[in-house]
N, C-alpha and C. Protein backbone atom coordinates (compact mmCIF):
# COMPACT_ATOMS: atom_id res chain seq x y z
N UNK A 1 0.77 -1.15 -0.06
CA UNK A 1 -0.15 -0.21 -0.16
C UNK A 1 0.98 1.31 0.00
N UNK A 2 0.59 2.10 -0.84
CA UNK A 2 1.42 3.55 -0.91
C UNK A 2 1.06 4.26 0.59
N UNK A 3 2.20 5.10 0.56
CA UNK A 3 2.07 5.82 2.03
C UNK A 3 0.91 6.57 2.19
N UNK A 4 0.78 7.47 0.98
CA UNK A 4 -0.59 8.35 1.16
C UNK A 4 -1.87 7.50 1.55
N UNK A 5 -1.83 6.41 0.65
CA UNK A 5 -3.02 5.54 1.13
C UNK A 5 -3.04 5.08 2.32
N UNK A 6 -1.90 4.55 2.65
CA UNK A 6 -2.18 3.93 4.30
C UNK A 6 -2.38 5.28 5.31
N UNK A 7 -1.90 6.52 4.91
CA UNK A 7 -2.25 7.37 5.84
C UNK A 7 -3.66 7.71 6.18
N UNK A 8 -4.37 7.91 4.95
CA UNK A 8 -5.75 8.21 4.44
C UNK A 8 -6.60 7.08 5.27
N UNK A 9 -5.92 5.98 5.04
CA UNK A 9 -6.93 4.52 5.57
C UNK A 9 -6.72 4.72 7.35
N UNK A 10 -5.65 5.20 7.55
CA UNK A 10 -5.88 5.25 9.12
C UNK A 10 -6.20 6.20 9.50
N UNK A 11 -6.33 7.42 8.70
CA UNK A 11 -7.29 8.54 9.45
C UNK A 11 -8.62 8.26 9.26
N UNK A 12 -9.04 7.35 8.36
CA UNK A 12 -10.71 7.02 8.07
C UNK A 12 -11.05 6.27 9.22
N UNK A 13 -9.99 5.17 9.99
CA UNK A 13 -10.20 4.60 10.74
C UNK A 13 -10.31 4.91 12.11
N UNK A 14 -9.68 6.37 12.24
CA UNK A 14 -9.71 7.02 13.25
C UNK A 14 -11.37 7.36 13.36
N UNK A 15 -11.63 8.17 12.17
CA UNK A 15 -13.05 8.78 12.02
C UNK A 15 -14.17 7.60 12.43
N UNK A 16 -14.07 6.44 12.20
CA UNK A 16 -14.70 5.35 12.11
C UNK A 16 -14.72 5.02 13.79
N UNK A 17 -13.78 5.30 14.39
CA UNK A 17 -13.41 4.97 15.81
C UNK A 17 -14.33 6.13 16.52
N UNK A 18 -14.03 7.50 16.33
CA UNK A 18 -15.24 8.47 16.81
C UNK A 18 -16.56 8.25 16.53
N UNK A 19 -16.93 8.12 15.37
CA UNK A 19 -18.26 7.65 15.09
C UNK A 19 -18.95 6.38 15.80
N UNK A 20 -18.33 5.44 15.79
CA UNK A 20 -18.45 4.20 16.74
C UNK A 20 -18.69 4.74 18.25
N UNK A 21 -17.83 5.42 18.77
CA UNK A 21 -17.87 6.07 20.30
C UNK A 21 -19.04 6.67 20.16
N UNK A 22 -19.19 7.55 19.53
CA UNK A 22 -20.69 8.49 19.36
C UNK A 22 -22.02 7.51 19.28
N UNK A 23 -22.01 6.67 19.27
CA UNK A 23 -22.90 5.68 19.32
C UNK A 23 -23.68 5.22 20.49
N UNK A 24 -22.57 4.95 21.57
CA UNK A 24 -22.78 4.32 22.64
C UNK A 24 -23.98 5.21 23.38
N UNK A 25 -23.73 6.74 23.74
CA UNK A 25 -24.71 7.08 24.32
C UNK A 25 -26.23 6.98 24.22
N UNK A 26 -26.38 6.52 22.66
CA UNK A 26 -28.03 6.33 22.00
C UNK A 26 -28.19 4.79 22.76
N UNK A 27 -27.30 3.87 22.86
CA UNK A 27 -27.48 2.70 23.42
C UNK A 27 -27.72 2.42 24.87
N UNK A 28 -26.67 3.53 25.71
CA UNK A 28 -27.13 3.64 27.28
C UNK A 28 -28.79 3.92 27.50
N UNK A 29 -29.11 4.99 26.57
CA UNK A 29 -30.34 5.71 26.63
C UNK A 29 -31.07 4.76 26.75
N UNK A 30 -31.06 3.65 25.99
CA UNK A 30 -31.81 2.67 25.81
C UNK A 30 -31.79 1.31 26.31
N UNK A 31 -30.70 1.68 27.39
CA UNK A 31 -30.76 0.41 28.20
C UNK A 31 -30.01 -0.79 27.59
N UNK A 32 -29.13 -0.88 26.26
CA UNK A 32 -28.70 -1.74 25.64
C UNK A 32 -27.15 -1.99 26.35
N UNK A 33 -27.03 -2.64 27.42
CA UNK A 33 -25.57 -2.79 27.65
C UNK A 33 -24.94 -3.27 26.82
N UNK A 34 -24.98 -4.61 26.74
CA UNK A 34 -24.05 -5.52 25.98
C UNK A 34 -23.52 -4.83 24.38
N UNK A 35 -24.40 -4.58 24.07
CA UNK A 35 -24.63 -3.67 22.67
C UNK A 35 -23.65 -2.43 23.08
N UNK A 36 -23.79 -1.90 23.93
CA UNK A 36 -23.10 -0.76 24.25
C UNK A 36 -21.36 -1.20 24.32
N UNK A 37 -21.24 -2.04 25.06
CA UNK A 37 -19.75 -2.54 25.28
C UNK A 37 -19.27 -3.29 23.81
N UNK A 38 -20.27 -3.83 23.21
CA UNK A 38 -19.59 -4.06 21.53
C UNK A 38 -19.41 -2.94 21.08
N UNK A 39 -19.69 -1.81 21.11
CA UNK A 39 -19.79 -0.60 20.11
C UNK A 39 -18.44 0.13 20.86
N UNK A 40 -18.24 -0.06 22.15
CA UNK A 40 -16.91 0.51 22.80
C UNK A 40 -15.75 0.00 22.39
N UNK A 41 -15.98 -1.61 22.66
CA UNK A 41 -15.10 -2.09 21.77
C UNK A 41 -14.55 -2.03 20.23
N UNK A 42 -15.39 -2.01 19.70
CA UNK A 42 -14.93 -1.74 18.36
C UNK A 42 -14.74 -0.37 17.83
N UNK A 43 -15.10 0.79 18.88
CA UNK A 43 -14.19 2.15 18.42
C UNK A 43 -12.95 1.98 19.18
N UNK A 44 -12.39 1.32 19.95
CA UNK A 44 -10.96 0.84 20.70
C UNK A 44 -10.37 0.41 19.46
N UNK A 45 -10.87 -0.84 18.86
CA UNK A 45 -10.51 -1.67 17.71
C UNK A 45 -10.13 -0.73 16.60
N UNK A 46 -11.02 -0.09 15.99
CA UNK A 46 -10.91 0.94 14.68
C UNK A 46 -9.80 2.09 14.94
N UNK A 47 -9.69 2.22 16.37
CA UNK A 47 -8.78 3.02 16.78
C UNK A 47 -7.03 2.34 16.58
N UNK A 48 -7.16 1.40 16.84
CA UNK A 48 -5.91 -0.01 17.31
C UNK A 48 -5.37 0.11 15.87
N UNK A 49 -6.44 -0.32 15.24
CA UNK A 49 -6.35 -0.99 13.60
C UNK A 49 -5.56 0.56 13.01
N UNK A 50 -6.08 1.45 13.21
CA UNK A 50 -5.83 2.91 12.60
C UNK A 50 -4.05 3.00 13.17
N UNK A 51 -3.67 2.64 14.35
CA UNK A 51 -2.25 2.56 14.40
C UNK A 51 -1.40 1.72 13.73
N UNK A 52 -1.92 0.67 13.79
CA UNK A 52 -0.93 -0.57 13.15
C UNK A 52 -0.93 -0.16 11.74
N UNK A 53 -2.22 0.27 10.82
CA UNK A 53 -2.08 0.37 9.44
C UNK A 53 -1.02 1.23 9.45
N UNK A 54 -1.01 2.84 10.11
CA UNK A 54 0.33 3.70 10.12
C UNK A 54 1.35 3.40 9.98
N UNK A 55 1.73 2.10 10.50
CA UNK A 55 2.91 1.68 11.22
C UNK A 55 3.31 0.29 10.29
N UNK A 56 2.40 -0.06 9.39
CA UNK A 56 2.48 -0.94 8.49
C UNK A 56 2.82 -2.55 9.02
N UNK A 57 2.12 -2.68 10.11
CA UNK A 57 1.57 -4.01 11.03
C UNK A 57 0.38 -4.48 10.29
N UNK A 58 0.55 -5.72 9.94
CA UNK A 58 -0.75 -6.42 8.94
C UNK A 58 -0.96 -7.30 10.25
N UNK A 59 -2.14 -7.67 10.30
CA UNK A 59 -2.91 -8.60 11.17
C UNK A 59 -4.40 -9.12 10.37
N UNK A 60 -4.31 -10.23 11.05
CA UNK A 60 -5.83 -11.00 10.27
C UNK A 60 -6.60 -11.31 11.07
N UNK A 61 -6.57 -11.07 12.73
CA UNK A 61 -7.78 -11.45 13.49
C UNK A 61 -7.84 -10.51 14.56
N UNK A 62 -8.83 -10.33 15.46
CA UNK A 62 -8.75 -9.49 16.56
C UNK A 62 -7.58 -9.67 17.56
N UNK A 63 -7.61 -11.05 17.82
CA UNK A 63 -6.53 -11.36 18.82
C UNK A 63 -5.30 -10.99 18.25
N UNK A 64 -4.72 -10.80 16.88
CA UNK A 64 -3.49 -10.69 16.23
C UNK A 64 -3.53 -8.95 16.50
N UNK A 65 -4.72 -8.07 16.55
CA UNK A 65 -4.72 -6.71 16.53
C UNK A 65 -3.88 -6.63 18.31
N UNK A 66 -4.61 -7.02 19.17
CA UNK A 66 -4.58 -7.44 20.47
C UNK A 66 -3.14 -7.64 20.89
N UNK A 67 -2.75 -8.53 20.04
CA UNK A 67 -1.07 -8.96 20.25
C UNK A 67 -0.07 -8.06 19.90
N UNK A 68 -0.55 -7.47 18.58
CA UNK A 68 0.74 -6.39 17.86
C UNK A 68 0.70 -5.06 18.58
N UNK A 69 -0.58 -4.80 19.01
CA UNK A 69 -0.98 -3.71 20.01
C UNK A 69 0.14 -3.61 21.01
N UNK A 70 0.23 -4.78 21.64
CA UNK A 70 0.90 -4.80 23.21
C UNK A 70 2.20 -4.83 22.68
N UNK A 71 2.54 -5.75 21.70
CA UNK A 71 4.02 -5.79 21.49
C UNK A 71 4.51 -4.51 20.63
N UNK A 72 4.23 -3.77 20.31
CA UNK A 72 4.62 -2.71 19.18
C UNK A 72 4.51 -1.10 19.67
N UNK A 73 3.27 -1.22 20.95
CA UNK A 73 2.99 0.20 21.31
C UNK A 73 3.23 -0.09 22.75
N UNK A 74 2.25 -0.61 23.65
CA UNK A 74 2.67 -1.07 24.89
C UNK A 74 3.56 -1.27 25.47
N UNK A 75 4.25 -2.14 25.22
CA UNK A 75 5.59 -2.92 25.54
C UNK A 75 6.74 -1.84 25.23
N UNK A 76 6.82 -0.94 24.54
CA UNK A 76 7.52 0.06 24.05
C UNK A 76 7.41 1.05 24.68
N UNK A 77 5.99 1.14 25.69
CA UNK A 77 5.81 2.46 26.14
C UNK A 77 5.57 3.45 25.38
N UNK A 78 4.95 3.21 23.98
CA UNK A 78 4.48 4.05 23.49
C UNK A 78 2.91 4.77 23.96
N UNK A 79 2.21 3.59 24.24
CA UNK A 79 1.06 3.86 24.79
C UNK A 79 1.14 2.99 26.38
N UNK A 80 0.60 3.82 27.16
CA UNK A 80 0.81 3.14 29.08
C UNK A 80 0.47 2.20 28.93
N UNK A 81 0.47 1.23 29.73
CA UNK A 81 0.55 -0.05 30.19
C UNK A 81 -1.09 -0.10 30.54
N UNK A 82 -1.73 0.94 31.07
CA UNK A 82 -3.21 0.70 31.54
C UNK A 82 -3.94 0.53 30.38
N UNK A 83 -3.52 1.48 29.17
CA UNK A 83 -4.37 1.39 28.01
C UNK A 83 -4.31 0.37 27.13
N UNK A 84 -3.18 -0.27 27.55
CA UNK A 84 -3.07 -2.05 27.20
C UNK A 84 -3.93 -2.85 28.15
N UNK A 85 -3.70 -3.03 29.11
CA UNK A 85 -4.58 -4.16 29.64
C UNK A 85 -5.89 -3.70 29.39
N UNK A 86 -6.41 -2.18 29.58
CA UNK A 86 -7.85 -2.15 29.05
C UNK A 86 -8.40 -2.32 27.80
N UNK A 87 -7.55 -2.26 26.91
CA UNK A 87 -7.73 -2.99 25.46
C UNK A 87 -8.20 -4.38 25.50
N UNK A 88 -7.14 -5.04 26.15
CA UNK A 88 -7.22 -6.68 26.40
C UNK A 88 -8.47 -6.98 27.29
N UNK A 89 -9.03 -6.16 28.31
CA UNK A 89 -10.11 -6.55 29.15
C UNK A 89 -11.72 -6.05 28.13
N UNK A 90 -11.57 -4.81 27.52
CA UNK A 90 -12.79 -4.76 26.47
C UNK A 90 -12.77 -5.84 25.27
N UNK A 91 -11.56 -6.38 24.96
CA UNK A 91 -11.75 -7.34 24.20
C UNK A 91 -12.33 -8.56 24.71
N UNK A 92 -12.09 -9.05 26.00
CA UNK A 92 -12.96 -10.02 26.47
C UNK A 92 -14.11 -9.69 26.91
N UNK A 93 -14.52 -8.60 27.35
CA UNK A 93 -15.86 -8.36 27.57
C UNK A 93 -16.71 -8.62 26.03
N UNK A 94 -16.08 -7.77 25.37
CA UNK A 94 -17.05 -7.81 24.07
C UNK A 94 -16.77 -9.39 23.66
N UNK A 95 -16.27 -10.05 23.75
CA UNK A 95 -16.54 -11.75 23.30
C UNK A 95 -17.52 -12.31 24.12
N UNK A 96 -17.68 -11.76 25.28
CA UNK A 96 -18.39 -12.58 26.12
C UNK A 96 -20.06 -11.75 26.20
N UNK A 97 -19.83 -10.41 25.84
CA UNK A 97 -21.05 -9.89 25.59
C UNK A 97 -21.95 -10.55 24.34
N UNK A 98 -20.93 -10.87 23.45
CA UNK A 98 -21.63 -11.22 22.22
C UNK A 98 -22.08 -12.73 22.43
N UNK A 99 -21.03 -13.67 23.01
CA UNK A 99 -21.27 -14.98 22.74
C UNK A 99 -21.87 -15.53 23.69
N UNK A 100 -21.56 -15.32 24.93
CA UNK A 100 -22.07 -16.17 26.27
C UNK A 100 -23.12 -15.88 26.66
N UNK A 101 -24.08 -17.00 26.76
CA UNK A 101 -25.89 -17.19 27.03
C UNK A 101 -25.65 -16.46 28.95
N UNK A 102 -26.57 -15.63 29.00
CA UNK A 102 -27.37 -15.33 30.19
C UNK A 102 -26.43 -14.06 30.90
N UNK A 103 -25.39 -13.54 29.89
CA UNK A 103 -24.62 -12.71 30.42
C UNK A 103 -25.10 -11.24 30.31
N UNK A 104 -25.85 -10.35 31.17
CA UNK A 104 -26.12 -9.26 30.84
C UNK A 104 -25.10 -8.02 31.78
N UNK A 105 -24.48 -7.19 31.03
CA UNK A 105 -23.89 -6.35 31.60
C UNK A 105 -24.76 -5.13 31.89
N UNK A 106 -24.00 -4.35 33.01
CA UNK A 106 -24.92 -3.29 33.62
C UNK A 106 -24.85 -2.32 33.18
N UNK A 107 -25.57 -1.13 33.42
CA UNK A 107 -25.28 0.60 33.24
C UNK A 107 -23.87 1.00 33.53
N UNK A 108 -23.53 0.39 35.08
CA UNK A 108 -22.31 0.80 35.69
C UNK A 108 -21.06 0.02 34.99
N UNK A 109 -21.23 -0.81 34.42
CA UNK A 109 -20.17 -1.67 33.55
C UNK A 109 -19.66 -0.76 32.01
N UNK A 110 -20.84 -0.46 31.80
CA UNK A 110 -20.65 0.60 30.56
C UNK A 110 -20.18 1.78 30.67
N UNK A 111 -20.70 2.27 31.81
CA UNK A 111 -20.22 3.71 32.21
C UNK A 111 -18.82 3.67 32.71
N UNK A 112 -18.09 2.61 33.25
CA UNK A 112 -17.13 2.75 33.67
C UNK A 112 -16.04 2.51 32.73
N UNK A 113 -16.49 1.95 31.62
CA UNK A 113 -15.52 2.07 30.16
C UNK A 113 -15.47 3.00 29.44
N UNK A 114 -16.80 4.04 29.59
CA UNK A 114 -16.68 5.16 28.64
C UNK A 114 -15.30 6.35 28.72
N UNK A 115 -14.62 6.56 29.74
CA UNK A 115 -13.82 7.28 29.90
C UNK A 115 -12.07 6.58 29.67
N UNK A 116 -11.97 5.45 29.92
CA UNK A 116 -10.82 4.65 29.17
C UNK A 116 -10.96 4.35 27.95
N UNK A 117 -12.04 4.13 27.50
CA UNK A 117 -12.35 3.99 25.93
C UNK A 117 -11.73 5.36 25.32
N UNK A 118 -12.17 6.77 25.31
CA UNK A 118 -12.16 7.76 25.14
C UNK A 118 -10.76 8.07 25.30
N UNK A 119 -10.03 7.71 26.22
CA UNK A 119 -8.56 7.86 26.27
C UNK A 119 -7.64 7.26 25.48
N UNK A 120 -8.03 5.93 25.57
CA UNK A 120 -7.27 5.23 24.45
C UNK A 120 -7.51 5.84 22.97
N UNK A 121 -8.86 6.18 22.48
CA UNK A 121 -9.02 6.58 21.07
C UNK A 121 -7.85 7.76 21.19
N UNK A 122 -8.28 8.87 22.29
CA UNK A 122 -7.48 10.07 22.16
C UNK A 122 -5.94 9.91 22.12
N UNK A 123 -5.42 9.15 22.55
CA UNK A 123 -4.28 8.87 22.89
C UNK A 123 -3.44 8.20 21.63
N UNK A 124 -4.39 7.34 21.06
CA UNK A 124 -4.10 6.95 19.54
C UNK A 124 -4.29 8.13 18.42
N UNK A 125 -5.15 8.82 18.42
CA UNK A 125 -5.55 10.07 17.58
C UNK A 125 -4.18 10.78 17.40
N UNK A 126 -3.71 10.97 18.80
CA UNK A 126 -2.41 11.85 18.81
C UNK A 126 -1.14 11.14 18.10
N UNK A 127 -0.99 9.81 18.20
CA UNK A 127 0.02 9.41 17.44
C UNK A 127 -0.68 9.17 15.91
N UNK A 128 -1.63 8.90 15.28
CA UNK A 128 -1.94 8.83 14.08
C UNK A 128 -2.08 10.02 13.22
N UNK A 129 -2.61 10.93 13.86
CA UNK A 129 -3.14 12.46 13.03
C UNK A 129 -1.56 13.50 12.93
């Protein structure tokens, strides 16, 4: 991929991250807690993908995204360890929300994720834009 295309795709993914994050208040208003966690995860995922694209790091799976993010950005100190832990945690929560039977997250669960998700996206925006 050409550098200009990579930069544009990376910026597009950041925009998707913000758009997806902005969906969450609608879900909260309607009490859709598991779906809100799904959208928070995807907002963070799009941001992390933007970072990987910018640095020409290819991945094929969500687990691969998590692994490469940790290896190239968390372990190197570019992104704070707490943000790496948060991304791993929300990855697991999204998996549970989407695939486990009889698991219902609460409003408090969702509200506790808002600021860390926003901070992660904000930090990646600084690195991408």
